[in-house]
Protein backbone atom coordinates (compact mmCIF):
# COMPACT_ATOMS: atom_id res chain seq x y z
CA UNK A 1 36.64 69.30 -59.87
CA UNK A 2 39.30 68.44 -57.30
CA UNK A 3 36.65 66.88 -55.12
CA UNK A 4 35.56 64.63 -57.98
CA UNK A 5 39.15 63.52 -58.69
CA UNK A 6 39.77 62.70 -55.00
CA UNK A 7 36.47 60.82 -54.83
CA UNK A 8 37.38 58.72 -57.89
CA UNK A 9 40.83 57.96 -56.44
CA UNK A 10 39.28 56.80 -53.15
CA UNK A 11 36.71 54.75 -55.01
CA UNK A 12 39.48 53.10 -57.07
CA UNK A 13 41.41 52.22 -53.87
CA UNK A 14 38.25 50.84 -52.27
CA UNK A 15 37.45 48.65 -55.27
CA UNK A 16 41.04 47.38 -55.42
CA UNK A 17 41.01 46.61 -51.69
CA UNK A 18 37.73 44.73 -52.04
CA UNK A 19 39.05 42.69 -54.97
CA UNK A 20 42.30 41.93 -53.13
CA UNK A 21 40.47 40.87 -49.96
CA UNK A 22 38.08 38.65 -51.92
CA UNK A 23 40.95 36.95 -53.76
CA UNK A 24 42.82 36.40 -50.51
CA UNK A 25 39.79 34.76 -48.90
CA UNK A 26 39.20 32.52 -51.94
CA UNK A 27 42.83 31.40 -51.97
CA UNK A 28 42.76 30.64 -48.24
CA UNK A 29 39.54 28.64 -48.48
CA UNK A 30 40.70 26.66 -51.51
CA UNK A 31 44.03 25.84 -49.81
CA UNK A 32 42.29 24.40 -46.75
CA UNK A 33 40.14 22.07 -48.85
CA UNK A 34 42.90 19.40 -48.94
CA UNK A 35 43.10 19.30 -45.14
CA UNK A 36 39.54 18.01 -44.68
CA UNK A 37 39.68 14.27 -44.17
CA UNK A 38 37.25 12.50 -46.55
CA UNK A 39 37.44 9.37 -44.35
CA UNK A 40 35.48 10.81 -41.41
CA UNK A 41 32.67 8.36 -40.63
CA UNK A 42 29.19 9.67 -41.31
CA UNK A 43 27.84 9.08 -37.79
CA UNK A 44 26.19 11.19 -35.13
CA UNK A 45 28.07 11.04 -31.85
CA UNK A 46 26.39 12.33 -28.68
CA UNK A 47 27.76 10.65 -25.57
CA UNK A 48 27.79 11.96 -22.00
CA UNK A 49 29.75 10.27 -19.21
CA UNK A 50 30.92 11.08 -15.70
CA UNK A 51 34.71 10.65 -16.05
CA UNK A 52 35.18 10.68 -12.27
CA UNK A 53 32.87 7.71 -11.73
CA UNK A 54 34.23 4.28 -10.82
CA UNK A 55 32.87 2.99 -14.13
CA UNK A 56 35.58 5.03 -15.86
CA UNK A 57 38.52 4.42 -13.50
CA UNK A 58 40.98 4.53 -16.39
CA UNK A 59 40.37 8.26 -16.90
CA UNK A 60 39.97 9.26 -13.25
CA UNK A 61 43.53 10.60 -13.36
CA UNK A 62 45.51 12.77 -15.77
CA UNK A 63 47.16 10.69 -18.50
CA UNK A 64 44.50 7.97 -18.35
CA UNK A 65 42.79 6.62 -21.42
CA UNK A 66 40.07 4.13 -22.32
CA UNK A 67 38.05 2.71 -25.20
CA UNK A 68 34.42 3.80 -24.84
CA UNK A 69 33.35 0.89 -27.02
CA UNK A 70 34.55 -1.50 -24.26
CA UNK A 71 32.05 -0.03 -21.78
CA UNK A 72 28.73 -1.94 -21.64
CA UNK A 73 26.48 1.07 -21.02
CA UNK A 74 27.80 3.13 -23.95
CA UNK A 75 26.13 3.02 -27.36
CA UNK A 76 28.65 3.59 -30.11
CA UNK A 77 26.82 4.55 -33.32
CA UNK A 78 26.88 2.16 -36.25
CA UNK A 79 29.62 3.23 -38.67
CA UNK A 80 32.08 4.10 -35.92
CA UNK A 81 34.80 1.66 -34.81
CA UNK A 82 34.74 3.09 -31.32
CA UNK A 83 36.11 6.07 -29.42
CA UNK A 84 39.34 6.55 -27.49
CA UNK A 85 39.07 9.01 -24.59
CA UNK A 86 42.25 10.51 -23.13
CA UNK A 87 42.49 12.78 -20.09
CA UNK A 88 45.09 15.41 -21.03
CA UNK A 89 44.81 17.35 -17.75
CA UNK A 90 42.36 17.81 -14.90
CA UNK A 91 39.84 19.69 -17.05
CA UNK A 92 40.75 18.71 -20.61
CA UNK A 93 39.88 15.53 -22.49
CA UNK A 94 40.50 14.31 -26.02
CA UNK A 95 38.15 11.96 -27.88
CA UNK A 96 39.29 10.19 -31.05
CA UNK A 97 37.58 7.89 -33.53
CA UNK A 98 39.15 4.39 -33.59
CA UNK A 99 38.86 4.23 -37.37
CA UNK A 100 42.28 4.87 -38.96
CA UNK A 101 42.25 8.33 -40.54
CA UNK A 102 44.41 7.53 -43.57
CA UNK A 103 43.56 4.00 -44.70
CA UNK A 104 40.27 3.21 -42.96
CA UNK A 105 39.35 0.22 -45.14
CA UNK A 106 42.76 -1.46 -45.21
CA UNK A 107 42.52 -5.08 -44.07
CA UNK A 108 45.53 -6.95 -42.77
CA UNK A 109 44.87 -10.53 -43.84
CA UNK A 110 44.10 -12.42 -47.04
CA UNK A 111 40.51 -13.15 -45.96
CA UNK A 112 39.85 -9.41 -45.52
CA UNK A 113 38.35 -10.14 -42.09
CA UNK A 114 40.84 -8.26 -39.90
CA UNK A 115 40.71 -4.59 -40.76
CA UNK A 116 42.65 -1.73 -39.24
CA UNK A 117 41.70 -0.09 -36.01
CA UNK A 118 43.47 2.21 -33.62
CA UNK A 119 44.86 0.86 -30.35
CA UNK A 120 46.76 2.41 -27.46
CA UNK A 121 47.82 -0.42 -25.12
CA UNK A 122 51.61 -0.81 -24.92
CA UNK A 123 52.04 2.04 -27.43
CA UNK A 124 51.10 4.73 -24.86
CA UNK A 125 51.48 7.75 -25.30
CA UNK A 126 50.81 6.88 -28.92
CA UNK A 127 47.92 5.35 -30.84
CA UNK A 128 48.84 2.64 -33.35
CA UNK A 129 47.07 1.63 -36.57
CA UNK A 130 46.98 -2.18 -36.39
CA UNK A 131 47.39 -2.69 -40.15
CA UNK A 132 49.99 -0.19 -41.34
CA UNK A 133 51.75 0.50 -38.00
CA UNK A 134 51.30 4.29 -38.23
CA UNK A 135 51.76 5.96 -34.84
CA UNK A 136 49.76 9.04 -33.78
CA UNK A 137 50.30 11.24 -30.73
CA UNK A 138 47.57 10.80 -28.14
CA UNK A 139 47.99 14.37 -26.88
CA UNK A 140 47.08 16.12 -30.16
CA UNK A 141 46.27 13.38 -32.69
CA UNK A 142 49.10 14.24 -35.09
CA UNK A 143 50.90 11.60 -37.15
CA UNK A 144 54.16 10.76 -35.36
CA UNK A 145 55.53 7.88 -37.44
CA UNK A 146 54.47 6.34 -40.74
CA UNK A 147 52.80 7.68 -43.84
CA UNK A 148 49.56 9.58 -44.25
CA UNK A 149 48.01 12.99 -44.76
CA UNK A 150 45.60 13.17 -41.87
CA UNK A 151 45.75 13.29 -38.06
CA UNK A 152 43.41 11.26 -35.86
CA UNK A 153 39.70 12.01 -36.31
CA UNK A 154 38.81 14.05 -33.22
CA UNK A 155 35.41 14.56 -31.66
CA UNK A 156 34.58 17.56 -29.49
CA UNK A 157 35.11 16.72 -25.82
CA UNK A 158 33.63 19.29 -23.42
CA UNK A 159 34.02 18.85 -19.69
CA UNK A 160 31.80 20.92 -17.38
CA UNK A 161 33.42 19.80 -14.12
CA UNK A 162 31.02 16.89 -13.63
CA UNK A 163 30.21 15.42 -17.04
CA UNK A 164 32.16 14.89 -20.23
CA UNK A 165 30.13 15.55 -23.37
CA UNK A 166 31.52 13.95 -26.55
CA UNK A 167 29.96 14.96 -29.84
CA UNK A 168 30.60 15.91 -33.44
């Protein structure tokens, strides 16, 4: 009889632990739903470059950056506004979509012909949204100044010592 009572107590604890764990997972997953940016362009990005080549002088050194869409031999997929590549250290690169992450379809003029894009230029080490003046940190993509929910849209950037592979 004692064995049966102990067994039922263990079973009750096990069921309660399972229920608690399941609820915890559901709460965690549902809380992260708001952090997924719905503005991510629906494009397939698969680009490989040699960042140490003379074609990419801007990123031959740490702290360098460039717009891949300015390079003639690079095909940026339709639906993307381009890609910013930043060399964070000798072996680490960051690759960001040039489409603004918070208001991607905001246009700056009455004719609706000049729409927002992300630029570095004189804003280094920040990236600036040309329409709403939001500033994002180039190092990690986080919003530094302005309003918005989302950081920069980041692509995977894997460096194998010779080639940089950028993909989503």
